[in-house]
Amino acid sequence: HLPGLPGLFVACAFSGTLSTVAASINALATVTYED
């Protein structure tokens, strides 16, 4: 019943995902290139 706050929670869940996935992609690219 509070406009915007459910969206904030889903953004909270997605924030963790975006950071984790981006870091993983960057790390995978690094080891593949270097190794």
All heavy atoms as atom14 arrays in JSON, in Angstrom:
{
  "sequence": "HLPGLPGLFVACAFSGTLSTVAASINALATVTYED",
  "atom14_mask": [
    [1, 1, 1, 1, 1, 1, 1, 1, 1, 1, 0, 0, 0, 0],
    [1, 1, 1, 1, 1, 1, 1, 1, 0, 0, 0, 0, 0, 0],
    [1, 1, 1, 1, 1, 1, 1, 0, 0, 0, 0, 0, 0, 0],
    [1, 1, 1, 1, 0, 0, 0, 0, 0, 0, 0, 0, 0, 0],
    [1, 1, 1, 1, 1, 1, 1, 1, 0, 0, 0, 0, 0, 0],
    [1, 1, 1, 1, 1, 1, 1, 0, 0, 0, 0, 0, 0, 0],
    [1, 1, 1, 1, 0, 0, 0, 0, 0, 0, 0, 0, 0, 0],
    [1, 1, 1, 1, 1, 1, 1, 1, 0, 0, 0, 0, 0, 0],
    [1, 1, 1, 1, 1, 1, 1, 1, 1, 1, 1, 0, 0, 0],
    [1, 1, 1, 1, 1, 1, 1, 0, 0, 0, 0, 0, 0, 0],
    [1, 1, 1, 1, 1, 0, 0, 0, 0, 0, 0, 0, 0, 0],
    [1, 1, 1, 1, 1, 1, 0, 0, 0, 0, 0, 0, 0, 0],
    [1, 1, 1, 1, 1, 0, 0, 0, 0, 0, 0, 0, 0, 0],
    [1, 1, 1, 1, 1, 1, 1, 1, 1, 1, 1, 0, 0, 0],
    [1, 1, 1, 1, 1, 1, 0, 0, 0, 0, 0, 0, 0, 0],
    [1, 1, 1, 1, 0, 0, 0, 0, 0, 0, 0, 0, 0, 0],
    [1, 1, 1, 1, 1, 1, 1, 0, 0, 0, 0, 0, 0, 0],
    [1, 1, 1, 1, 1, 1, 1, 1, 0, 0, 0, 0, 0, 0],
    [1, 1, 1, 1, 1, 1, 0, 0, 0, 0, 0, 0, 0, 0],
    [1, 1, 1, 1, 1, 1, 1, 0, 0, 0, 0, 0, 0, 0],
    [1, 1, 1, 1, 1, 1, 1, 0, 0, 0, 0, 0, 0, 0],
    [1, 1, 1, 1, 1, 0, 0, 0, 0, 0, 0, 0, 0, 0],
    [1, 1, 1, 1, 1, 0, 0, 0, 0, 0, 0, 0, 0, 0],
    [1, 1, 1, 1, 1, 1, 0, 0, 0, 0, 0, 0, 0, 0],
    [1, 1, 1, 1, 1, 1, 1, 1, 0, 0, 0, 0, 0, 0],
    [1, 1, 1, 1, 1, 1, 1, 1, 0, 0, 0, 0, 0, 0],
    [1, 1, 1, 1, 1, 0, 0, 0, 0, 0, 0, 0, 0, 0],
    [1, 1, 1, 1, 1, 1, 1, 1, 0, 0, 0, 0, 0, 0],
    [1, 1, 1, 1, 1, 0, 0, 0, 0, 0, 0, 0, 0, 0],
    [1, 1, 1, 1, 1, 1, 1, 0, 0, 0, 0, 0, 0, 0],
    [1, 1, 1, 1, 1, 1, 1, 0, 0, 0, 0, 0, 0, 0],
    [1, 1, 1, 1, 1, 1, 1, 0, 0, 0, 0, 0, 0, 0],
    [1, 1, 1, 1, 1, 1, 1, 1, 1, 1, 1, 1, 0, 0],
    [1, 1, 1, 1, 1, 1, 1, 1, 1, 0, 0, 0, 0, 0],
    [1, 1, 1, 1, 1, 1, 1, 1, 0, 0, 0, 0, 0, 0]
  ],
  "atom14_positions": [
    [[0.81, -1.22, 0.0], [0.0, 0.0, 0.0], [0.84, 1.27, 0.0], [0.31, 2.38, 0.02], [-0.91, 0.01, 1.23], [-0.16, 0.06, 2.53], [0.66, -0.96, 2.96], [-0.1, 1.03, 3.49], [1.19, -0.63, 4.13], [0.73, 0.57, 4.48], [0.0, 0.0, 0.0], [0.0, 0.0, 0.0], [0.0, 0.0, 0.0], [0.0, 0.0, 0.0]],
    [[2.18, 1.13, -0.03], [3.09, 2.27, -0.01], [3.78, 2.37, -1.36], [4.67, 1.57, -1.66], [4.13, 2.11, 1.11], [3.57, 2.01, 2.53], [4.67, 1.67, 3.52], [2.88, 3.31, 2.93], [0.0, 0.0, 0.0], [0.0, 0.0, 0.0], [0.0, 0.0, 0.0], [0.0, 0.0, 0.0], [0.0, 0.0, 0.0], [0.0, 0.0, 0.0]],
    [[3.41, 3.31, -2.22], [3.94, 3.39, -3.59], [5.47, 3.48, -3.62], [6.06, 4.28, -2.9], [3.3, 4.68, -4.12], [2.08, 4.88, -3.31], [2.42, 4.36, -1.94], [0.0, 0.0, 0.0], [0.0, 0.0, 0.0], [0.0, 0.0, 0.0], [0.0, 0.0, 0.0], [0.0, 0.0, 0.0], [0.0, 0.0, 0.0], [0.0, 0.0, 0.0]],
    [[6.07, 2.64, -4.42], [7.51, 2.68, -4.63], [8.32, 1.76, -3.75], [9.42, 1.34, -4.13], [0.0, 0.0, 0.0], [0.0, 0.0, 0.0], [0.0, 0.0, 0.0], [0.0, 0.0, 0.0], [0.0, 0.0, 0.0], [0.0, 0.0, 0.0], [0.0, 0.0, 0.0], [0.0, 0.0, 0.0], [0.0, 0.0, 0.0], [0.0, 0.0, 0.0]],
    [[7.81, 1.41, -2.56], [8.61, 0.6, -1.64], [8.74, -0.86, -2.06], [9.81, -1.45, -1.88], [8.05, 0.72, -0.23], [8.21, 2.1, 0.41], [7.77, 2.08, 1.87], [9.63, 2.62, 0.29], [0.0, 0.0, 0.0], [0.0, 0.0, 0.0], [0.0, 0.0, 0.0], [0.0, 0.0, 0.0], [0.0, 0.0, 0.0], [0.0, 0.0, 0.0]],
    [[7.7, -1.5, -2.6], [7.94, -2.84, -3.16], [9.0, -2.83, -4.26], [9.81, -3.74, -4.37], [6.56, -3.25, -3.7], [5.6, -2.49, -2.86], [6.25, -1.16, -2.62], [0.0, 0.0, 0.0], [0.0, 0.0, 0.0], [0.0, 0.0, 0.0], [0.0, 0.0, 0.0], [0.0, 0.0, 0.0], [0.0, 0.0, 0.0], [0.0, 0.0, 0.0]],
    [[8.97, -1.77, -5.07], [9.99, -1.64, -6.11], [11.38, -1.49, -5.53], [12.36, -2.0, -6.09], [0.0, 0.0, 0.0], [0.0, 0.0, 0.0], [0.0, 0.0, 0.0], [0.0, 0.0, 0.0], [0.0, 0.0, 0.0], [0.0, 0.0, 0.0], [0.0, 0.0, 0.0], [0.0, 0.0, 0.0], [0.0, 0.0, 0.0], [0.0, 0.0, 0.0]],
    [[11.49, -0.82, -4.37], [12.78, -0.67, -3.71], [13.31, -2.02, -3.24], [14.5, -2.3, -3.36], [12.65, 0.29, -2.52], [13.92, 0.51, -1.69], [15.01, 1.13, -2.55], [13.63, 1.38, -0.47], [0.0, 0.0, 0.0], [0.0, 0.0, 0.0], [0.0, 0.0, 0.0], [0.0, 0.0, 0.0], [0.0, 0.0, 0.0], [0.0, 0.0, 0.0]],
    [[12.42, -2.88, -2.72], [12.88, -4.19, -2.27], [13.37, -5.04, -3.44], [14.41, -5.69, -3.36], [11.79, -4.95, -1.53], [12.15, -6.39, -1.31], [13.07, -6.75, -0.35], [11.63, -7.38, -2.13], [13.44, -8.06, -0.18], [12.0, -8.69, -1.97], [12.91, -9.04, -0.98], [0.0, 0.0, 0.0], [0.0, 0.0, 0.0], [0.0, 0.0, 0.0]],
    [[12.6, -5.06, -4.52], [13.03, -5.86, -5.67], [14.34, -5.3, -6.22], [15.22, -6.05, -6.65], [11.93, -5.89, -6.75], [12.41, -6.64, -7.98], [10.68, -6.55, -6.2], [0.0, 0.0, 0.0], [0.0, 0.0, 0.0], [0.0, 0.0, 0.0], [0.0, 0.0, 0.0], [0.0, 0.0, 0.0], [0.0, 0.0, 0.0], [0.0, 0.0, 0.0]],
    [[14.49, -3.97, -6.19], [15.77, -3.37, -6.58], [16.87, -3.82, -5.63], [18.02, -4.03, -6.06], [15.65, -1.85, -6.57], [0.0, 0.0, 0.0], [0.0, 0.0, 0.0], [0.0, 0.0, 0.0], [0.0, 0.0, 0.0], [0.0, 0.0, 0.0], [0.0, 0.0, 0.0], [0.0, 0.0, 0.0], [0.0, 0.0, 0.0], [0.0, 0.0, 0.0]],
    [[16.54, -3.99, -4.35], [17.51, -4.49, -3.37], [17.99, -5.89, -3.76], [19.19, -6.16, -3.75], [16.85, -4.5, -2.0], [17.73, -5.41, -0.71], [0.0, 0.0, 0.0], [0.0, 0.0, 0.0], [0.0, 0.0, 0.0], [0.0, 0.0, 0.0], [0.0, 0.0, 0.0], [0.0, 0.0, 0.0], [0.0, 0.0, 0.0], [0.0, 0.0, 0.0]],
    [[17.07, -6.78, -4.1], [17.44, -8.13, -4.51], [18.27, -8.11, -5.79], [19.28, -8.81, -5.92], [16.19, -8.99, -4.71], [0.0, 0.0, 0.0], [0.0, 0.0, 0.0], [0.0, 0.0, 0.0], [0.0, 0.0, 0.0], [0.0, 0.0, 0.0], [0.0, 0.0, 0.0], [0.0, 0.0, 0.0], [0.0, 0.0, 0.0], [0.0, 0.0, 0.0]],
    [[17.87, -7.27, -6.74], [18.59, -7.2, -8.0], [19.95, -6.54, -7.84], [20.87, -6.82, -8.6], [17.76, -6.44, -9.04], [16.96, -7.34, -9.92], [15.72, -7.8, -9.53], [17.45, -7.75, -11.14], [14.98, -8.64, -10.32], [16.72, -8.6, -11.95], [15.47, -9.05, -11.54], [0.0, 0.0, 0.0], [0.0, 0.0, 0.0], [0.0, 0.0, 0.0]],
    [[20.1, -5.64, -6.86], [21.38, -4.98, -6.65], [22.47, -5.99, -6.32], [23.57, -5.95, -6.87], [21.27, -3.96, -5.51], [20.48, -2.87, -5.89], [0.0, 0.0, 0.0], [0.0, 0.0, 0.0], [0.0, 0.0, 0.0], [0.0, 0.0, 0.0], [0.0, 0.0, 0.0], [0.0, 0.0, 0.0], [0.0, 0.0, 0.0], [0.0, 0.0, 0.0]],
    [[22.15, -6.91, -5.4], [23.12, -7.94, -5.08], [23.46, -8.8, -6.28], [24.61, -9.18, -6.48], [0.0, 0.0, 0.0], [0.0, 0.0, 0.0], [0.0, 0.0, 0.0], [0.0, 0.0, 0.0], [0.0, 0.0, 0.0], [0.0, 0.0, 0.0], [0.0, 0.0, 0.0], [0.0, 0.0, 0.0], [0.0, 0.0, 0.0], [0.0, 0.0, 0.0]],
    [[22.46, -9.08, -7.09], [22.7, -9.91, -8.26], [23.56, -9.23, -9.29], [24.51, -9.8, -9.82], [21.36, -10.31, -8.88], [20.7, -11.18, -8.0], [21.57, -11.03, -10.2], [0.0, 0.0, 0.0], [0.0, 0.0, 0.0], [0.0, 0.0, 0.0], [0.0, 0.0, 0.0], [0.0, 0.0, 0.0], [0.0, 0.0, 0.0], [0.0, 0.0, 0.0]],
    [[23.22, -7.98, -9.61], [23.99, -7.26, -10.62], [25.46, -7.18, -10.23], [26.36, -7.39, -11.05], [23.42, -5.86, -10.81], [22.03, -5.77, -11.46], [21.54, -4.33, -11.46], [22.04, -6.32, -12.88], [0.0, 0.0, 0.0], [0.0, 0.0, 0.0], [0.0, 0.0, 0.0], [0.0, 0.0, 0.0], [0.0, 0.0, 0.0], [0.0, 0.0, 0.0]],
    [[25.73, -6.89, -8.94], [27.12, -6.77, -8.49], [27.84, -8.11, -8.57], [28.99, -8.19, -9.01], [27.18, -6.21, -7.07], [26.52, -7.07, -6.17], [0.0, 0.0, 0.0], [0.0, 0.0, 0.0], [0.0, 0.0, 0.0], [0.0, 0.0, 0.0], [0.0, 0.0, 0.0], [0.0, 0.0, 0.0], [0.0, 0.0, 0.0], [0.0, 0.0, 0.0]],
    [[27.17, -9.18, -8.14], [27.8, -10.5, -8.14], [28.06, -10.99, -9.56], [29.15, -11.49, -9.87], [26.91, -11.51, -7.41], [26.67, -11.04, -6.09], [27.57, -12.88, -7.35], [0.0, 0.0, 0.0], [0.0, 0.0, 0.0], [0.0, 0.0, 0.0], [0.0, 0.0, 0.0], [0.0, 0.0, 0.0], [0.0, 0.0, 0.0], [0.0, 0.0, 0.0]],
    [[27.07, -10.85, -10.41], [27.22, -11.35, -11.78], [28.28, -10.56, -12.53], [29.12, -11.13, -13.24], [25.87, -11.28, -12.52], [26.03, -11.66, -13.98], [24.86, -12.2, -11.84], [0.0, 0.0, 0.0], [0.0, 0.0, 0.0], [0.0, 0.0, 0.0], [0.0, 0.0, 0.0], [0.0, 0.0, 0.0], [0.0, 0.0, 0.0], [0.0, 0.0, 0.0]],
    [[28.28, -9.23, -12.38], [29.27, -8.41, -13.07], [30.68, -8.75, -12.59], [31.61, -8.86, -13.4], [28.97, -6.94, -12.85], [0.0, 0.0, 0.0], [0.0, 0.0, 0.0], [0.0, 0.0, 0.0], [0.0, 0.0, 0.0], [0.0, 0.0, 0.0], [0.0, 0.0, 0.0], [0.0, 0.0, 0.0], [0.0, 0.0, 0.0], [0.0, 0.0, 0.0]],
    [[30.86, -8.92, -11.27], [32.18, -9.28, -10.74], [32.61, -10.65, -11.25], [33.79, -10.85, -11.58], [32.15, -9.26, -9.21], [0.0, 0.0, 0.0], [0.0, 0.0, 0.0], [0.0, 0.0, 0.0], [0.0, 0.0, 0.0], [0.0, 0.0, 0.0], [0.0, 0.0, 0.0], [0.0, 0.0, 0.0], [0.0, 0.0, 0.0], [0.0, 0.0, 0.0]],
    [[31.68, -11.57, -11.33], [32.0, -12.92, -11.82], [32.39, -12.89, -13.29], [33.36, -13.55, -13.71], [30.81, -13.85, -11.62], [30.51, -14.01, -10.25], [0.0, 0.0, 0.0], [0.0, 0.0, 0.0], [0.0, 0.0, 0.0], [0.0, 0.0, 0.0], [0.0, 0.0, 0.0], [0.0, 0.0, 0.0], [0.0, 0.0, 0.0], [0.0, 0.0, 0.0]],
    [[31.63, -12.14, -14.08], [31.95, -12.03, -15.51], [33.34, -11.44, -15.7], [34.15, -11.92, -16.5], [30.89, -11.17, -16.22], [29.56, -11.92, -16.28], [31.35, -10.81, -17.64], [28.4, -11.08, -16.79], [0.0, 0.0, 0.0], [0.0, 0.0, 0.0], [0.0, 0.0, 0.0], [0.0, 0.0, 0.0], [0.0, 0.0, 0.0], [0.0, 0.0, 0.0]],
    [[33.64, -10.37, -14.95], [34.95, -9.73, -15.06], [36.07, -10.69, -14.64], [37.12, -10.76, -15.29], [34.97, -8.48, -14.18], [36.22, -7.64, -14.38], [37.18, -7.77, -13.64], [36.2, -6.78, -15.38], [0.0, 0.0, 0.0], [0.0, 0.0, 0.0], [0.0, 0.0, 0.0], [0.0, 0.0, 0.0], [0.0, 0.0, 0.0], [0.0, 0.0, 0.0]],
    [[35.84, -11.45, -13.55], [36.85, -12.4, -13.09], [37.05, -13.54, -14.08], [38.18, -13.97, -14.34], [36.45, -12.95, -11.72], [0.0, 0.0, 0.0], [0.0, 0.0, 0.0], [0.0, 0.0, 0.0], [0.0, 0.0, 0.0], [0.0, 0.0, 0.0], [0.0, 0.0, 0.0], [0.0, 0.0, 0.0], [0.0, 0.0, 0.0], [0.0, 0.0, 0.0]],
    [[35.96, -14.05, -14.66], [36.07, -15.12, -15.65], [36.83, -14.65, -16.88], [37.66, -15.4, -17.43], [34.67, -15.6, -16.04], [33.92, -16.42, -14.99], [32.45, -16.56, -15.36], [34.55, -17.8, -14.82], [0.0, 0.0, 0.0], [0.0, 0.0, 0.0], [0.0, 0.0, 0.0], [0.0, 0.0, 0.0], [0.0, 0.0, 0.0], [0.0, 0.0, 0.0]],
    [[36.55, -13.43, -17.32], [37.28, -12.89, -18.47], [38.76, -12.75, -18.15], [39.63, -13.03, -19.0], [36.69, -11.53, -18.86], [0.0, 0.0, 0.0], [0.0, 0.0, 0.0], [0.0, 0.0, 0.0], [0.0, 0.0, 0.0], [0.0, 0.0, 0.0], [0.0, 0.0, 0.0], [0.0, 0.0, 0.0], [0.0, 0.0, 0.0], [0.0, 0.0, 0.0]],
    [[39.07, -12.36, -16.91], [40.46, -12.17, -16.51], [41.23, -13.48, -16.53], [42.33, -13.57, -17.12], [40.53, -11.55, -15.1], [39.87, -10.29, -15.11], [41.97, -11.35, -14.67], [0.0, 0.0, 0.0], [0.0, 0.0, 0.0], [0.0, 0.0, 0.0], [0.0, 0.0, 0.0], [0.0, 0.0, 0.0], [0.0, 0.0, 0.0], [0.0, 0.0, 0.0]],
    [[40.7, -14.52, -15.87], [41.45, -15.78, -15.8], [41.55, -16.43, -17.18], [42.56, -17.05, -17.51], [40.82, -16.75, -14.78], [40.87, -16.17, -13.38], [39.4, -17.13, -15.15], [0.0, 0.0, 0.0], [0.0, 0.0, 0.0], [0.0, 0.0, 0.0], [0.0, 0.0, 0.0], [0.0, 0.0, 0.0], [0.0, 0.0, 0.0], [0.0, 0.0, 0.0]],
    [[40.51, -16.29, -17.99], [40.57, -16.88, -19.33], [41.63, -16.19, -20.18], [42.41, -16.85, -20.89], [39.2, -16.78, -20.02], [38.21, -17.43, -19.21], [39.23, -17.45, -21.39], [0.0, 0.0, 0.0], [0.0, 0.0, 0.0], [0.0, 0.0, 0.0], [0.0, 0.0, 0.0], [0.0, 0.0, 0.0], [0.0, 0.0, 0.0], [0.0, 0.0, 0.0]],
    [[41.66, -14.87, -20.09], [42.67, -14.14, -20.89], [44.08, -14.41, -20.38], [44.99, -14.73, -21.16], [42.38, -12.63, -20.83], [43.42, -11.82, -21.57], [43.42, -11.76, -22.96], [44.44, -11.15, -20.88], [44.4, -11.05, -23.64], [45.43, -10.44, -21.56], [45.39, -10.39, -22.94], [46.35, -9.69, -23.62], [0.0, 0.0, 0.0], [0.0, 0.0, 0.0]],
    [[44.28, -14.31, -19.05], [45.62, -14.44, -18.49], [46.13, -15.87, -18.53], [47.32, -16.11, -18.78], [45.62, -13.94, -17.03], [45.39, -12.45, -16.88], [46.57, -11.63, -17.36], [47.72, -12.15, -17.32], [46.36, -10.47, -17.78], [0.0, 0.0, 0.0], [0.0, 0.0, 0.0], [0.0, 0.0, 0.0], [0.0, 0.0, 0.0], [0.0, 0.0, 0.0]],
    [[45.25, -16.86, -18.28], [45.71, -18.24, -18.13], [45.69, -19.04, -19.43], [46.34, -20.09, -19.51], [44.85, -18.96, -17.09], [45.0, -18.36, -15.7], [45.95, -17.6, -15.49], [44.15, -18.64, -14.83], [0.0, 0.0, 0.0], [0.0, 0.0, 0.0], [0.0, 0.0, 0.0], [0.0, 0.0, 0.0], [0.0, 0.0, 0.0], [0.0, 0.0, 0.0]]
  ]
}
